[in-house]
Amino acid sequence: MLRPMTQQGTEPVRRTRGRTRDTRTTEAILEAAMAMLVEKGLTGFTIEGLAARAGVGKATIYRWWPSRGAVALDAFLAAVEPQVPYPDTDDFPTALRTQVTALVRVFSETPVGPVVRALISEAQRDPDLAEAFRTRWLEARRVVGRAVFAQAQRSGQIRDDLEAETAIDLIYGAVYFRLMTAHAPMDDEFVTNLIDYALRGLAPR
């Protein structure tokens, strides 16, 4: 059966030096970080402000995260990943439609959308953040997506000659393009059309 997305991407970057992280302190920092990102955006997000808001010293944050981008990414992952898993179902159209709908709603109906745009923008100037965003957010989702597509191919629900990487890009690329450009609404009608068009192309011939 198709299994829900694992939470491997949420695991914060490990630092080998210093004391072991305290779970409650980490959660407090990440919750404070997400609240700051929502209120102030990435431009107003500082380690000094985060330390004051979370009630910890700056040294604690720097001990566990190498940059403000790193802690911002961890805060984003902790807040968003549990909301966008693939459902545990053998029905490929249902799994795809449910997951994409959840992602689009998180991006469009919550303050997460501007945070994602800010992280992508910051990643253009921060190679470490760019690599972490690709690995821990994008690739972590693609691993699950590949498995879902492969299962659908084995069960005959979609074409067995398609290349999953391109199919994933076609579907999710449209979501990110609309997120970044805001040229048209990100709503349920968009998801319905996107998935309907995709399923026509993916259908067995």
N, C-alpha and C. Protein backbone atom coordinates (compact mmCIF):
# COMPACT_ATOMS: atom_id res chain seq x y z
N MET A 1 0.84 -1.20 0.00
CA MET A 1 0.00 0.00 0.00
C MET A 1 0.87 1.25 0.00
N LEU A 2 0.29 2.35 -0.51
CA LEU A 2 1.01 3.61 -0.46
C LEU A 2 1.03 4.09 0.98
N ARG A 3 2.20 4.41 1.47
CA ARG A 3 2.34 4.81 2.87
C ARG A 3 2.49 6.31 2.99
N PRO A 4 2.03 6.89 4.09
CA PRO A 4 2.19 8.33 4.29
C PRO A 4 3.65 8.72 4.28
N MET A 5 3.88 9.96 3.93
CA MET A 5 5.23 10.49 3.86
C MET A 5 5.93 10.38 5.20
N THR A 6 7.16 9.94 5.19
CA THR A 6 7.93 9.91 6.42
C THR A 6 8.33 11.33 6.78
N GLN A 7 8.75 11.50 8.01
CA GLN A 7 9.12 12.83 8.49
C GLN A 7 10.63 13.02 8.52
N GLN A 8 11.33 12.29 7.64
CA GLN A 8 12.79 12.37 7.69
C GLN A 8 13.31 13.77 7.39
N GLY A 9 12.57 14.52 6.56
CA GLY A 9 13.04 15.85 6.23
C GLY A 9 12.99 16.82 7.38
N THR A 10 12.20 16.50 8.41
CA THR A 10 12.09 17.44 9.51
C THR A 10 13.26 17.37 10.47
N GLU A 11 14.08 16.36 10.34
CA GLU A 11 15.18 16.19 11.28
C GLU A 11 16.16 17.34 11.14
N PRO A 12 16.36 18.15 12.16
CA PRO A 12 17.24 19.30 12.05
C PRO A 12 18.68 18.89 11.75
N VAL A 13 19.39 19.83 11.16
CA VAL A 13 20.81 19.60 10.88
C VAL A 13 21.55 19.34 12.18
N ARG A 14 22.33 18.29 12.21
CA ARG A 14 23.04 17.93 13.44
C ARG A 14 24.39 18.64 13.50
N ARG A 15 24.71 19.15 14.66
CA ARG A 15 26.01 19.74 14.91
C ARG A 15 26.75 18.83 15.86
N THR A 16 27.99 18.53 15.56
CA THR A 16 28.74 17.55 16.35
C THR A 16 29.36 18.17 17.59
N ARG A 17 29.51 19.48 17.61
CA ARG A 17 30.12 20.11 18.77
C ARG A 17 29.06 20.56 19.76
N GLY A 18 29.47 20.71 21.01
CA GLY A 18 28.57 21.25 22.02
C GLY A 18 27.66 20.21 22.61
N ARG A 19 26.74 20.70 23.44
CA ARG A 19 25.83 19.80 24.15
C ARG A 19 24.76 19.24 23.22
N THR A 20 24.21 18.12 23.63
CA THR A 20 23.11 17.53 22.89
C THR A 20 21.89 18.44 22.99
N ARG A 21 21.12 18.51 21.93
CA ARG A 21 19.94 19.37 21.92
C ARG A 21 18.91 18.91 22.93
N ASP A 22 18.30 19.87 23.58
CA ASP A 22 17.16 19.60 24.44
C ASP A 22 15.90 19.73 23.58
N THR A 23 15.08 18.70 23.58
CA THR A 23 13.91 18.66 22.70
C THR A 23 12.97 19.83 22.94
N ARG A 24 12.68 20.12 24.20
CA ARG A 24 11.75 21.20 24.51
C ARG A 24 12.30 22.56 24.08
N THR A 25 13.60 22.75 24.30
CA THR A 25 14.21 24.01 23.88
C THR A 25 14.18 24.15 22.37
N THR A 26 14.49 23.05 21.67
CA THR A 26 14.46 23.07 20.22
C THR A 26 13.07 23.41 19.71
N GLU A 27 12.05 22.77 20.27
CA GLU A 27 10.68 23.05 19.85
C GLU A 27 10.30 24.50 20.12
N ALA A 28 10.72 25.03 21.26
CA ALA A 28 10.41 26.43 21.58
C ALA A 28 11.07 27.37 20.58
N ILE A 29 12.30 27.07 20.22
CA ILE A 29 13.01 27.91 19.25
C ILE A 29 12.33 27.85 17.89
N LEU A 30 11.97 26.65 17.44
CA LEU A 30 11.35 26.50 16.13
C LEU A 30 9.97 27.14 16.08
N GLU A 31 9.20 27.01 17.15
CA GLU A 31 7.89 27.66 17.19
C GLU A 31 8.04 29.18 17.17
N ALA A 32 9.00 29.69 17.92
CA ALA A 32 9.24 31.14 17.93
C ALA A 32 9.73 31.60 16.56
N ALA A 33 10.57 30.78 15.92
CA ALA A 33 11.09 31.14 14.61
C ALA A 33 9.97 31.23 13.58
N MET A 34 9.06 30.25 13.59
CA MET A 34 7.97 30.28 12.61
C MET A 34 7.07 31.47 12.86
N ALA A 35 6.80 31.78 14.12
CA ALA A 35 5.97 32.94 14.44
C ALA A 35 6.62 34.23 13.94
N MET A 36 7.94 34.33 14.11
CA MET A 36 8.65 35.52 13.64
C MET A 36 8.62 35.61 12.12
N LEU A 37 8.80 34.48 11.44
CA LEU A 37 8.78 34.47 9.98
C LEU A 37 7.42 34.91 9.45
N VAL A 38 6.37 34.47 10.11
CA VAL A 38 5.02 34.86 9.69
C VAL A 38 4.80 36.35 9.91
N GLU A 39 5.27 36.86 11.04
CA GLU A 39 5.03 38.26 11.39
C GLU A 39 5.93 39.23 10.64
N LYS A 40 7.20 38.87 10.51
CA LYS A 40 8.20 39.82 10.02
C LYS A 40 8.80 39.45 8.67
N GLY A 41 8.57 38.21 8.22
CA GLY A 41 9.23 37.77 7.00
C GLY A 41 10.69 37.46 7.26
N LEU A 42 11.37 36.97 6.26
CA LEU A 42 12.77 36.62 6.44
C LEU A 42 13.65 37.85 6.60
N THR A 43 13.25 38.97 6.01
CA THR A 43 14.06 40.19 6.13
C THR A 43 14.09 40.69 7.57
N GLY A 44 13.01 40.48 8.32
CA GLY A 44 12.98 40.91 9.72
C GLY A 44 13.32 39.82 10.71
N PHE A 45 13.78 38.70 10.19
CA PHE A 45 14.09 37.54 11.03
C PHE A 45 15.57 37.59 11.41
N THR A 46 15.86 37.79 12.69
CA THR A 46 17.24 37.87 13.16
C THR A 46 17.46 36.88 14.29
N ILE A 47 18.70 36.46 14.44
CA ILE A 47 19.03 35.56 15.54
C ILE A 47 18.82 36.25 16.88
N GLU A 48 19.15 37.54 16.95
CA GLU A 48 18.96 38.29 18.19
C GLU A 48 17.48 38.32 18.58
N GLY A 49 16.63 38.63 17.61
CA GLY A 49 15.20 38.67 17.89
C GLY A 49 14.64 37.31 18.24
N LEU A 50 15.14 36.28 17.56
CA LEU A 50 14.68 34.92 17.86
C LEU A 50 15.08 34.50 19.26
N ALA A 51 16.31 34.80 19.65
CA ALA A 51 16.77 34.43 20.99
C ALA A 51 15.90 35.08 22.06
N ALA A 52 15.59 36.36 21.85
CA ALA A 52 14.75 37.07 22.83
C ALA A 52 13.35 36.47 22.88
N ARG A 53 12.82 36.16 21.73
CA ARG A 53 11.45 35.63 21.69
C ARG A 53 11.36 34.23 22.28
N ALA A 54 12.38 33.40 22.03
CA ALA A 54 12.36 32.03 22.53
C ALA A 54 12.86 31.92 23.96
N GLY A 55 13.45 32.99 24.48
CA GLY A 55 13.96 32.97 25.84
C GLY A 55 15.23 32.16 26.00
N VAL A 56 16.09 32.21 24.98
CA VAL A 56 17.36 31.49 25.04
C VAL A 56 18.47 32.46 24.65
N GLY A 57 19.70 32.04 24.86
CA GLY A 57 20.83 32.85 24.45
C GLY A 57 21.16 32.66 22.98
N LYS A 58 21.76 33.67 22.37
CA LYS A 58 22.16 33.54 20.97
C LYS A 58 23.13 32.38 20.78
N ALA A 59 23.97 32.15 21.78
CA ALA A 59 24.95 31.07 21.68
C ALA A 59 24.28 29.71 21.51
N THR A 60 23.14 29.54 22.17
CA THR A 60 22.40 28.27 22.03
C THR A 60 21.96 28.06 20.60
N ILE A 61 21.44 29.11 19.98
CA ILE A 61 20.98 29.00 18.59
C ILE A 61 22.15 28.74 17.65
N TYR A 62 23.22 29.50 17.81
CA TYR A 62 24.37 29.32 16.93
C TYR A 62 25.05 27.97 17.14
N ARG A 63 24.90 27.40 18.32
CA ARG A 63 25.47 26.08 18.58
C ARG A 63 24.76 25.01 17.76
N TRP A 64 23.49 25.22 17.51
CA TRP A 64 22.68 24.19 16.85
C TRP A 64 22.36 24.49 15.39
N TRP A 65 22.48 25.75 14.98
CA TRP A 65 22.21 26.11 13.59
C TRP A 65 23.32 27.04 13.09
N PRO A 66 23.80 26.83 11.88
CA PRO A 66 24.91 27.63 11.38
C PRO A 66 24.52 29.01 10.89
N SER A 67 23.22 29.24 10.62
CA SER A 67 22.79 30.52 10.06
C SER A 67 21.31 30.73 10.32
N ARG A 68 20.85 31.94 10.08
CA ARG A 68 19.42 32.22 10.25
C ARG A 68 18.61 31.45 9.22
N GLY A 69 19.19 31.24 8.02
CA GLY A 69 18.49 30.46 7.00
C GLY A 69 18.27 29.03 7.44
N ALA A 70 19.25 28.47 8.14
CA ALA A 70 19.14 27.08 8.59
C ALA A 70 18.03 26.91 9.62
N VAL A 71 17.95 27.83 10.57
CA VAL A 71 16.89 27.71 11.59
C VAL A 71 15.53 28.03 10.98
N ALA A 72 15.49 28.95 10.02
CA ALA A 72 14.23 29.25 9.34
C ALA A 72 13.72 28.02 8.58
N LEU A 73 14.63 27.31 7.93
CA LEU A 73 14.23 26.11 7.20
C LEU A 73 13.71 25.04 8.15
N ASP A 74 14.39 24.85 9.27
CA ASP A 74 13.92 23.86 10.24
C ASP A 74 12.53 24.23 10.78
N ALA A 75 12.31 25.51 11.02
CA ALA A 75 11.01 25.95 11.52
C ALA A 75 9.93 25.69 10.48
N PHE A 76 10.23 25.98 9.23
CA PHE A 76 9.28 25.72 8.14
C PHE A 76 8.96 24.24 8.03
N LEU A 77 9.99 23.39 8.06
CA LEU A 77 9.77 21.95 7.92
C LEU A 77 8.93 21.40 9.07
N ALA A 78 9.25 21.83 10.28
CA ALA A 78 8.52 21.33 11.45
C ALA A 78 7.05 21.71 11.39
N ALA A 79 6.76 22.89 10.84
CA ALA A 79 5.38 23.37 10.80
C ALA A 79 4.59 22.77 9.65
N VAL A 80 5.24 22.51 8.52
CA VAL A 80 4.51 22.18 7.30
C VAL A 80 4.48 20.70 6.97
N GLU A 81 5.57 19.99 7.19
CA GLU A 81 5.63 18.59 6.73
C GLU A 81 4.47 17.72 7.22
N PRO A 82 4.05 17.84 8.48
CA PRO A 82 2.94 16.97 8.91
C PRO A 82 1.63 17.24 8.17
N GLN A 83 1.53 18.38 7.49
CA GLN A 83 0.27 18.76 6.85
C GLN A 83 0.15 18.27 5.41
N VAL A 84 1.25 17.76 4.82
CA VAL A 84 1.21 17.47 3.38
C VAL A 84 1.70 16.07 3.03
N PRO A 85 1.32 15.04 3.78
CA PRO A 85 1.73 13.68 3.40
C PRO A 85 0.86 13.15 2.27
N TYR A 86 1.36 12.13 1.59
CA TYR A 86 0.49 11.36 0.71
C TYR A 86 -0.41 10.50 1.59
N PRO A 87 -1.70 10.38 1.26
CA PRO A 87 -2.59 9.54 2.07
C PRO A 87 -2.28 8.06 1.87
N ASP A 88 -2.65 7.27 2.82
CA ASP A 88 -2.42 5.83 2.78
C ASP A 88 -3.54 5.17 1.99
N THR A 89 -3.41 5.17 0.68
CA THR A 89 -4.43 4.59 -0.20
C THR A 89 -3.76 3.99 -1.42
N ASP A 90 -4.39 2.96 -1.98
CA ASP A 90 -3.88 2.34 -3.20
C ASP A 90 -4.37 3.07 -4.45
N ASP A 91 -5.30 4.00 -4.29
CA ASP A 91 -5.88 4.68 -5.43
C ASP A 91 -5.02 5.88 -5.81
N PHE A 92 -4.32 5.80 -6.94
CA PHE A 92 -3.37 6.84 -7.32
C PHE A 92 -4.03 8.20 -7.54
N PRO A 93 -5.12 8.30 -8.30
CA PRO A 93 -5.73 9.62 -8.47
C PRO A 93 -6.13 10.27 -7.15
N THR A 94 -6.66 9.48 -6.24
CA THR A 94 -7.04 10.02 -4.93
C THR A 94 -5.82 10.50 -4.16
N ALA A 95 -4.76 9.69 -4.17
CA ALA A 95 -3.54 10.05 -3.45
C ALA A 95 -2.96 11.35 -4.00
N LEU A 96 -2.87 11.45 -5.32
CA LEU A 96 -2.27 12.62 -5.94
C LEU A 96 -3.13 13.86 -5.69
N ARG A 97 -4.42 13.73 -5.90
CA ARG A 97 -5.32 14.88 -5.73
C ARG A 97 -5.32 15.37 -4.28
N THR A 98 -5.35 14.42 -3.34
CA THR A 98 -5.38 14.78 -1.92
C THR A 98 -4.09 15.49 -1.51
N GLN A 99 -2.95 14.97 -1.95
CA GLN A 99 -1.68 15.56 -1.55
C GLN A 99 -1.47 16.94 -2.16
N VAL A 100 -1.76 17.07 -3.44
CA VAL A 100 -1.57 18.36 -4.10
C VAL A 100 -2.55 19.40 -3.53
N THR A 101 -3.78 18.98 -3.26
CA THR A 101 -4.75 19.90 -2.64
C THR A 101 -4.24 20.40 -1.29
N ALA A 102 -3.71 19.49 -0.48
CA ALA A 102 -3.19 19.88 0.83
C ALA A 102 -2.03 20.87 0.69
N LEU A 103 -1.12 20.59 -0.25
CA LEU A 103 0.03 21.47 -0.45
C LEU A 103 -0.42 22.86 -0.90
N VAL A 104 -1.31 22.90 -1.88
CA VAL A 104 -1.77 24.19 -2.39
C VAL A 104 -2.50 24.97 -1.31
N ARG A 105 -3.31 24.31 -0.51
CA ARG A 105 -4.02 25.02 0.55
C ARG A 105 -3.07 25.56 1.62
N VAL A 106 -2.05 24.80 1.96
CA VAL A 106 -1.07 25.29 2.92
C VAL A 106 -0.36 26.52 2.36
N PHE A 107 -0.01 26.48 1.07
CA PHE A 107 0.69 27.60 0.46
C PHE A 107 -0.20 28.83 0.29
N SER A 108 -1.50 28.60 0.05
CA SER A 108 -2.37 29.72 -0.31
C SER A 108 -3.26 30.22 0.82
N GLU A 109 -3.57 29.37 1.79
CA GLU A 109 -4.54 29.73 2.82
C GLU A 109 -3.91 29.94 4.20
N THR A 110 -2.61 29.76 4.30
CA THR A 110 -1.91 29.97 5.56
C THR A 110 -0.73 30.91 5.32
N PRO A 111 -0.11 31.40 6.37
CA PRO A 111 1.05 32.29 6.19
C PRO A 111 2.29 31.58 5.66
N VAL A 112 2.20 30.28 5.40
CA VAL A 112 3.37 29.54 4.94
C VAL A 112 3.81 29.98 3.55
N GLY A 113 2.86 30.36 2.69
CA GLY A 113 3.23 30.74 1.33
C GLY A 113 4.32 31.79 1.26
N PRO A 114 4.16 32.94 1.93
CA PRO A 114 5.22 33.95 1.91
C PRO A 114 6.54 33.45 2.50
N VAL A 115 6.47 32.55 3.48
CA VAL A 115 7.69 32.00 4.07
C VAL A 115 8.44 31.16 3.04
N VAL A 116 7.72 30.35 2.27
CA VAL A 116 8.36 29.53 1.24
C VAL A 116 9.00 30.43 0.19
N ARG A 117 8.27 31.44 -0.25
CA ARG A 117 8.84 32.35 -1.25
C ARG A 117 10.11 33.01 -0.72
N ALA A 118 10.10 33.41 0.54
CA ALA A 118 11.27 34.05 1.13
C ALA A 118 12.45 33.08 1.21
N LEU A 119 12.18 31.83 1.58
CA LEU A 119 13.26 30.84 1.66
C LEU A 119 13.86 30.58 0.29
N ILE A 120 13.02 30.46 -0.73
CA ILE A 120 13.53 30.23 -2.08
C ILE A 120 14.36 31.42 -2.54
N SER A 121 13.89 32.63 -2.23
CA SER A 121 14.65 33.83 -2.59
C SER A 121 15.99 33.88 -1.87
N GLU A 122 15.98 33.62 -0.57
CA GLU A 122 17.22 33.63 0.21
C GLU A 122 18.18 32.56 -0.27
N ALA A 123 17.65 31.44 -0.72
CA ALA A 123 18.50 30.34 -1.18
C ALA A 123 19.31 30.71 -2.42
N GLN A 124 18.87 31.71 -3.17
CA GLN A 124 19.63 32.15 -4.34
C GLN A 124 20.95 32.80 -3.92
N ARG A 125 21.00 33.30 -2.68
CA ARG A 125 22.20 33.97 -2.19
C ARG A 125 22.96 33.14 -1.16
N ASP A 126 22.37 32.04 -0.73
CA ASP A 126 22.95 31.21 0.33
C ASP A 126 23.06 29.78 -0.16
N PRO A 127 24.22 29.37 -0.68
CA PRO A 127 24.36 28.02 -1.24
C PRO A 127 24.05 26.91 -0.24
N ASP A 128 24.39 27.12 1.02
CA ASP A 128 24.10 26.09 2.03
C ASP A 128 22.60 25.93 2.23
N LEU A 129 21.88 27.05 2.28
CA LEU A 129 20.43 26.98 2.41
C LEU A 129 19.82 26.35 1.17
N ALA A 130 20.35 26.70 0.00
CA ALA A 130 19.82 26.13 -1.24
C ALA A 130 19.95 24.61 -1.24
N GLU A 131 21.11 24.12 -0.83
CA GLU A 131 21.33 22.67 -0.78
C GLU A 131 20.41 22.01 0.24
N ALA A 132 20.27 22.64 1.40
CA ALA A 132 19.40 22.08 2.44
C ALA A 132 17.94 22.08 1.99
N PHE A 133 17.50 23.14 1.33
CA PHE A 133 16.12 23.21 0.85
C PHE A 133 15.86 22.13 -0.18
N ARG A 134 16.80 21.94 -1.10
CA ARG A 134 16.63 20.90 -2.11
C ARG A 134 16.60 19.52 -1.47
N THR A 135 17.53 19.27 -0.55
CA THR A 135 17.67 17.93 0.02
C THR A 135 16.56 17.60 0.99
N ARG A 136 16.27 18.52 1.89
CA ARG A 136 15.40 18.19 3.02
C ARG A 136 13.93 18.50 2.77
N TRP A 137 13.65 19.39 1.82
CA TRP A 137 12.26 19.66 1.48
C TRP A 137 11.89 19.04 0.14
N LEU A 138 12.56 19.45 -0.94
CA LEU A 138 12.17 18.97 -2.26
C LEU A 138 12.47 17.49 -2.45
N GLU A 139 13.70 17.09 -2.21
CA GLU A 139 14.06 15.69 -2.46
C GLU A 139 13.36 14.74 -1.51
N ALA A 140 13.16 15.15 -0.27
CA ALA A 140 12.44 14.28 0.67
C ALA A 140 11.04 13.98 0.17
N ARG A 141 10.39 14.98 -0.47
CA ARG A 141 9.07 14.74 -1.04
C ARG A 141 9.14 13.92 -2.32
N ARG A 142 10.21 14.13 -3.09
CA ARG A 142 10.33 13.39 -4.35
C ARG A 142 10.56 11.91 -4.10
N VAL A 143 11.27 11.57 -3.04
CA VAL A 143 11.47 10.16 -2.71
C VAL A 143 10.13 9.46 -2.54
N VAL A 144 9.23 10.08 -1.80
CA VAL A 144 7.91 9.50 -1.60
C VAL A 144 7.11 9.53 -2.90
N GLY A 145 7.20 10.63 -3.62
CA GLY A 145 6.49 10.73 -4.89
C GLY A 145 6.90 9.66 -5.87
N ARG A 146 8.20 9.38 -5.95
CA ARG A 146 8.67 8.32 -6.86
C ARG A 146 8.06 6.98 -6.48
N ALA A 147 8.00 6.71 -5.18
CA ALA A 147 7.43 5.44 -4.72
C ALA A 147 5.95 5.35 -5.07
N VAL A 148 5.23 6.45 -4.93
CA VAL A 148 3.80 6.47 -5.26
C VAL A 148 3.60 6.23 -6.76
N PHE A 149 4.40 6.91 -7.57
CA PHE A 149 4.30 6.72 -9.02
C PHE A 149 4.68 5.30 -9.41
N ALA A 150 5.72 4.76 -8.82
CA ALA A 150 6.15 3.40 -9.15
C ALA A 150 5.07 2.38 -8.81
N GLN A 151 4.43 2.54 -7.65
CA GLN A 151 3.35 1.64 -7.26
C GLN A 151 2.18 1.75 -8.23
N ALA A 152 1.87 2.97 -8.65
CA ALA A 152 0.78 3.16 -9.60
C ALA A 152 1.10 2.52 -10.95
N GLN A 153 2.36 2.56 -11.36
CA GLN A 153 2.76 1.88 -12.59
C GLN A 153 2.63 0.37 -12.45
N ARG A 154 3.08 -0.17 -11.35
CA ARG A 154 3.01 -1.62 -11.14
C ARG A 154 1.56 -2.11 -11.11
N SER A 155 0.67 -1.29 -10.60
CA SER A 155 -0.73 -1.70 -10.50
C SER A 155 -1.54 -1.37 -11.75
N GLY A 156 -0.87 -0.78 -12.76
CA GLY A 156 -1.54 -0.50 -14.02
C GLY A 156 -2.42 0.73 -14.01
N GLN A 157 -2.28 1.59 -13.01
CA GLN A 157 -3.13 2.78 -12.93
C GLN A 157 -2.62 3.92 -13.81
N ILE A 158 -1.32 3.93 -14.09
CA ILE A 158 -0.73 4.92 -14.98
C ILE A 158 0.21 4.23 -15.94
N ARG A 159 0.61 4.93 -16.97
CA ARG A 159 1.48 4.37 -18.01
C ARG A 159 2.76 3.82 -17.41
N ASP A 160 3.20 2.69 -17.94
CA ASP A 160 4.43 2.10 -17.44
C ASP A 160 5.65 2.59 -18.19
N ASP A 161 5.45 3.44 -19.21
CA ASP A 161 6.58 3.94 -19.99
C ASP A 161 6.95 5.37 -19.64
N LEU A 162 6.28 5.95 -18.64
CA LEU A 162 6.59 7.34 -18.31
C LEU A 162 7.80 7.43 -17.39
N GLU A 163 8.42 8.58 -17.41
CA GLU A 163 9.58 8.85 -16.57
C GLU A 163 9.10 9.70 -15.40
N ALA A 164 9.14 9.13 -14.20
CA ALA A 164 8.50 9.76 -13.04
C ALA A 164 9.07 11.14 -12.73
N GLU A 165 10.37 11.34 -12.92
CA GLU A 165 10.97 12.63 -12.57
C GLU A 165 10.30 13.77 -13.34
N THR A 166 10.10 13.56 -14.64
CA THR A 166 9.47 14.59 -15.45
C THR A 166 8.01 14.79 -15.07
N ALA A 167 7.31 13.69 -14.80
CA ALA A 167 5.90 13.79 -14.39
C ALA A 167 5.77 14.58 -13.09
N ILE A 168 6.64 14.31 -12.14
CA ILE A 168 6.62 15.05 -10.87
C ILE A 168 6.89 16.53 -11.11
N ASP A 169 7.86 16.83 -11.97
CA ASP A 169 8.16 18.23 -12.27
C ASP A 169 6.97 18.93 -12.92
N LEU A 170 6.29 18.24 -13.83
CA LEU A 170 5.15 18.85 -14.52
C LEU A 170 4.05 19.23 -13.53
N ILE A 171 3.79 18.35 -12.58
CA ILE A 171 2.70 18.61 -11.63
C ILE A 171 3.11 19.65 -10.59
N TYR A 172 4.21 19.38 -9.90
CA TYR A 172 4.59 20.26 -8.80
C TYR A 172 5.25 21.54 -9.29
N GLY A 173 5.86 21.49 -10.47
CA GLY A 173 6.41 22.71 -11.04
C GLY A 173 5.33 23.76 -11.26
N ALA A 174 4.14 23.31 -11.66
CA ALA A 174 3.03 24.24 -11.84
C ALA A 174 2.62 24.89 -10.52
N VAL A 175 2.67 24.11 -9.45
CA VAL A 175 2.32 24.64 -8.13
C VAL A 175 3.32 25.73 -7.71
N TYR A 176 4.61 25.43 -7.86
CA TYR A 176 5.62 26.39 -7.43
C TYR A 176 5.66 27.62 -8.34
N PHE A 177 5.39 27.43 -9.63
CA PHE A 177 5.36 28.58 -10.53
C PHE A 177 4.25 29.54 -10.12
N ARG A 178 3.08 29.00 -9.80
CA ARG A 178 1.98 29.86 -9.39
C ARG A 178 2.26 30.48 -8.02
N LEU A 179 2.91 29.73 -7.14
CA LEU A 179 3.28 30.28 -5.83
C LEU A 179 4.23 31.46 -5.98
N MET A 180 5.23 31.32 -6.83
CA MET A 180 6.28 32.34 -6.93
C MET A 180 5.84 33.56 -7.73
N THR A 181 5.00 33.36 -8.75
CA THR A 181 4.64 34.49 -9.61
C THR A 181 3.32 35.14 -9.21
N ALA A 182 2.44 34.38 -8.54
CA ALA A 182 1.12 34.89 -8.14
C ALA A 182 0.36 35.47 -9.32
N HIS A 183 0.54 34.89 -10.51
CA HIS A 183 -0.12 35.41 -11.70
C HIS A 183 -1.57 34.97 -11.80
N ALA A 184 -1.94 33.95 -11.00
CA ALA A 184 -3.31 33.44 -11.01
C ALA A 184 -3.58 32.79 -9.65
N PRO A 185 -4.84 32.61 -9.29
CA PRO A 185 -5.15 32.08 -7.96
C PRO A 185 -4.64 30.65 -7.76
N MET A 186 -4.26 30.37 -6.52
CA MET A 186 -3.97 29.00 -6.10
C MET A 186 -5.20 28.53 -5.31
N ASP A 187 -6.12 27.89 -6.01
CA ASP A 187 -7.37 27.50 -5.37
C ASP A 187 -7.74 26.09 -5.79
N ASP A 188 -8.90 25.63 -5.34
CA ASP A 188 -9.32 24.26 -5.64
C ASP A 188 -9.56 24.06 -7.13
N GLU A 189 -10.02 25.09 -7.82
CA GLU A 189 -10.22 24.97 -9.27
C GLU A 189 -8.90 24.72 -9.98
N PHE A 190 -7.87 25.42 -9.54
CA PHE A 190 -6.53 25.20 -10.10
C PHE A 190 -6.09 23.75 -9.88
N VAL A 191 -6.28 23.23 -8.68
CA VAL A 191 -5.88 21.85 -8.39
C VAL A 191 -6.69 20.88 -9.23
N THR A 192 -7.99 21.10 -9.33
CA THR A 192 -8.84 20.20 -10.12
C THR A 192 -8.37 20.14 -11.57
N ASN A 193 -8.14 21.29 -12.18
CA ASN A 193 -7.69 21.32 -13.56
C ASN A 193 -6.31 20.68 -13.71
N LEU A 194 -5.40 21.03 -12.80
CA LEU A 194 -4.04 20.51 -12.87
C LEU A 194 -4.03 18.99 -12.81
N ILE A 195 -4.74 18.42 -11.84
CA ILE A 195 -4.73 16.97 -11.68
C ILE A 195 -5.49 16.29 -12.81
N ASP A 196 -6.59 16.87 -13.25
CA ASP A 196 -7.33 16.28 -14.38
C ASP A 196 -6.45 16.21 -15.62
N TYR A 197 -5.75 17.30 -15.92
CA TYR A 197 -4.88 17.30 -17.10
C TYR A 197 -3.75 16.29 -16.93
N ALA A 198 -3.18 16.25 -15.73
CA ALA A 198 -2.07 15.32 -15.49
C ALA A 198 -2.53 13.87 -15.64
N LEU A 199 -3.68 13.54 -15.08
CA LEU A 199 -4.15 12.16 -15.14
C LEU A 199 -4.46 11.72 -16.56
N ARG A 200 -4.90 12.65 -17.40
CA ARG A 200 -5.14 12.30 -18.81
C ARG A 200 -3.83 11.88 -19.48
N GLY A 201 -2.78 12.61 -19.19
CA GLY A 201 -1.49 12.27 -19.78
C GLY A 201 -0.86 11.03 -19.19
N LEU A 202 -1.18 10.75 -17.93
CA LEU A 202 -0.58 9.60 -17.25
C LEU A 202 -1.36 8.31 -17.49
N ALA A 203 -2.58 8.41 -18.00
CA ALA A 203 -3.44 7.23 -18.14
C ALA A 203 -2.83 6.20 -19.08
N PRO A 204 -3.01 4.90 -18.78
CA PRO A 204 -2.49 3.85 -19.66
C PRO A 204 -3.06 3.98 -21.07
N ARG A 205 -2.24 3.62 -22.05
CA ARG A 205 -2.68 3.72 -23.45
C ARG A 205 -2.89 2.32 -24.02
